[in-house]
């Protein structure tokens, strides 16, 4: 049963680590794109939106689901703890509390992945709004600038 607990931790921490890696990858990729994007080169705002919102759904999904992945690991850990208690025919408080405490670490890890992922998502959404505003300003000023140059 100890091996199952070890594999449980390894599996869920790997999944959560992969989720965090993907969240960081998307965040940095988007930030680098936002720094070099030229809103004036887009003929329509929807084409700009397609480019600047790419992969943000994945980031949001990671932030929303990481706690559930951790919680699933915790529930399985608690089930294993109760199974071990039942098999050993003992109700020692220390065994119960230790098993429960070890199971809860996966929930904590899920929350630790979700919080930064959602912070990254919200920060990137703010950048998206800024780029959209820059595009609208450029579009509003462009005809006026063309009229002024003709005179």
Protein backbone atom coordinates (compact mmCIF):
# COMPACT_ATOMS: atom_id res chain seq x y z
CA UNK A 1 0.00 0.00 0.00
CA UNK A 2 2.99 2.30 0.60
CA UNK A 3 3.89 1.96 -3.09
CA UNK A 4 0.43 3.09 -4.13
CA UNK A 5 0.79 6.22 -1.97
CA UNK A 6 4.20 6.90 -3.52
CA UNK A 7 2.88 6.46 -7.07
CA UNK A 8 -0.16 8.57 -6.23
CA UNK A 9 2.03 11.47 -5.10
CA UNK A 10 4.38 11.06 -8.04
CA UNK A 11 1.53 10.93 -10.56
CA UNK A 12 -0.38 13.92 -9.25
CA UNK A 13 2.69 16.08 -8.60
CA UNK A 14 3.83 15.31 -12.15
CA UNK A 15 0.46 16.33 -13.57
CA UNK A 16 0.42 19.53 -11.51
CA UNK A 17 4.03 20.27 -12.43
CA UNK A 18 3.20 19.84 -16.09
CA UNK A 19 0.23 22.15 -15.71
CA UNK A 20 2.45 24.80 -14.10
CA UNK A 21 5.08 24.41 -16.83
CA UNK A 22 2.44 24.91 -19.53
CA UNK A 23 1.04 27.94 -17.70
CA UNK A 24 4.49 29.52 -17.47
CA UNK A 25 5.26 28.68 -21.10
CA UNK A 26 2.05 30.30 -22.33
CA UNK A 27 2.58 33.34 -20.13
CA UNK A 28 6.11 34.03 -21.36
CA UNK A 29 5.20 33.29 -24.98
CA UNK A 30 2.30 35.76 -24.81
CA UNK A 31 4.40 38.43 -23.08
CA UNK A 32 7.10 38.18 -25.76
CA UNK A 33 4.44 38.39 -28.48
CA UNK A 34 2.78 41.41 -26.88
CA UNK A 35 6.09 43.27 -26.75
CA UNK A 36 6.72 42.90 -30.48
CA UNK A 37 3.19 43.09 -31.87
CA UNK A 38 2.35 46.01 -34.15
CA UNK A 39 -1.38 46.75 -34.01
CA UNK A 40 -1.11 49.01 -37.06
CA UNK A 41 -0.31 46.01 -39.26
CA UNK A 42 -3.74 44.42 -38.69
CA UNK A 43 -6.46 45.35 -41.19
CA UNK A 44 -9.28 44.27 -38.83
CA UNK A 45 -9.59 44.07 -35.05
CA UNK A 46 -10.85 40.48 -35.15
CA UNK A 47 -7.59 39.36 -36.78
CA UNK A 48 -5.75 41.10 -33.96
CA UNK A 49 -8.00 39.40 -31.38
CA UNK A 50 -7.29 35.98 -32.84
CA UNK A 51 -3.54 36.51 -32.50
CA UNK A 52 -3.48 38.09 -29.05
CA UNK A 53 -5.94 35.73 -27.34
CA UNK A 54 -4.35 32.50 -28.59
CA UNK A 55 -3.79 29.97 -25.76
CA UNK A 56 -5.45 32.14 -23.10
CA UNK A 57 -8.25 29.58 -22.80
CA UNK A 58 -5.67 26.93 -21.94
CA UNK A 59 -4.20 29.16 -19.25
CA UNK A 60 -7.65 29.83 -17.80
CA UNK A 61 -8.47 26.11 -17.88
CA UNK A 62 -5.29 25.28 -15.96
CA UNK A 63 -6.10 27.89 -13.34
CA UNK A 64 -9.65 26.66 -12.96
CA UNK A 65 -8.88 22.93 -12.85
CA UNK A 66 -5.59 22.64 -10.94
CA UNK A 67 -7.38 22.65 -7.55
CA UNK A 68 -9.63 19.84 -8.75
CA UNK A 69 -6.65 17.75 -9.83
CA UNK A 70 -5.13 18.29 -6.39
CA UNK A 71 -8.43 17.50 -4.72
CA UNK A 72 -8.77 14.27 -6.67
CA UNK A 73 -5.32 13.25 -5.44
CA UNK A 74 -6.33 14.12 -1.90
CA UNK A 75 -9.52 12.07 -2.08
CA UNK A 76 -7.63 9.06 -3.39
CA UNK A 77 -5.01 9.55 -0.65
CA UNK A 78 -7.73 9.64 1.99
CA UNK A 79 -9.28 6.47 0.56
CA UNK A 80 -5.89 4.75 0.77
CA UNK A 81 -5.48 5.96 4.38
CA UNK A 82 -8.88 4.58 5.37
CA UNK A 83 -8.14 1.31 3.59
CA UNK A 84 -4.86 0.93 5.50
CA UNK A 85 -6.61 1.68 8.79
CA UNK A 86 -9.26 -0.94 8.00
CA UNK A 87 -6.67 -3.54 7.05
CA UNK A 88 -4.61 -2.96 10.23
CA UNK A 89 -7.64 -3.13 12.55
CA UNK A 90 -6.38 -0.14 14.53
CA UNK A 91 -7.76 3.29 15.24
CA UNK A 92 -4.58 5.06 16.25
CA UNK A 93 -5.05 8.78 15.99
CA UNK A 94 -1.48 9.35 14.86
CA UNK A 95 -1.89 7.01 11.89
CA UNK A 96 -5.14 8.65 10.83
CA UNK A 97 -3.84 12.22 11.16
CA UNK A 98 -0.57 11.44 9.40
CA UNK A 99 -2.38 9.84 6.47
CA UNK A 100 -4.82 12.72 6.17
CA UNK A 101 -2.09 15.34 6.41
CA UNK A 102 -0.07 13.63 3.70
CA UNK A 103 -3.15 13.39 1.47
CA UNK A 104 -3.91 17.11 1.84
CA UNK A 105 -0.57 18.14 0.36
CA UNK A 106 -1.96 17.45 -3.11
CA UNK A 107 -4.79 19.92 -2.58
CA UNK A 108 -2.25 22.50 -1.47
CA UNK A 109 -0.18 21.83 -4.58
CA UNK A 110 -3.25 22.23 -6.80
CA UNK A 111 -4.02 25.58 -5.21
CA UNK A 112 -0.36 26.59 -5.55
CA UNK A 113 -0.62 25.98 -9.30
CA UNK A 114 -4.03 27.65 -9.71
CA UNK A 115 -3.28 30.96 -8.03
CA UNK A 116 -0.35 32.01 -10.24
CA UNK A 117 -2.04 30.62 -13.37
CA UNK A 118 -5.10 32.78 -12.75
CA UNK A 119 -2.91 35.78 -11.93
CA UNK A 120 -1.05 35.28 -15.22
CA UNK A 121 -4.35 34.92 -17.07
CA UNK A 122 -5.78 38.13 -15.62
CA UNK A 123 -2.57 40.03 -16.31
CA UNK A 124 -2.53 38.85 -19.91
CA UNK A 125 -6.19 39.78 -20.35
CA UNK A 126 -5.29 43.30 -19.27
CA UNK A 127 -2.56 43.40 -21.93
CA UNK A 128 -5.10 42.17 -24.50
CA UNK A 129 -7.41 45.03 -23.57
CA UNK A 130 -4.54 47.52 -23.94
CA UNK A 131 -3.67 46.21 -27.40
CA UNK A 132 -7.31 46.37 -28.46
CA UNK A 133 -7.53 49.97 -27.21
CA UNK A 134 -4.35 50.87 -29.12
CA UNK A 135 -5.84 49.36 -32.26
CA UNK A 136 -9.07 51.35 -31.87
CA UNK A 137 -7.12 54.57 -31.28
CA UNK A 138 -4.99 53.89 -34.34
CA UNK A 139 -8.11 53.25 -36.43
CA UNK A 140 -9.79 56.42 -35.15
CA UNK A 141 -6.73 58.58 -35.79
CA UNK A 142 -5.81 57.06 -39.13
CA UNK A 143 -8.57 58.70 -41.26
CA UNK A 144 -8.01 62.05 -39.55
CA UNK A 145 -4.30 61.85 -40.17
CA UNK A 146 -4.91 61.01 -43.82
CA UNK A 147 -7.27 64.03 -44.18
CA UNK A 148 -4.72 66.36 -42.61
CA UNK A 149 -1.97 65.15 -44.93
CA UNK A 150 -4.11 65.83 -48.06
CA UNK A 151 -4.62 69.50 -47.12
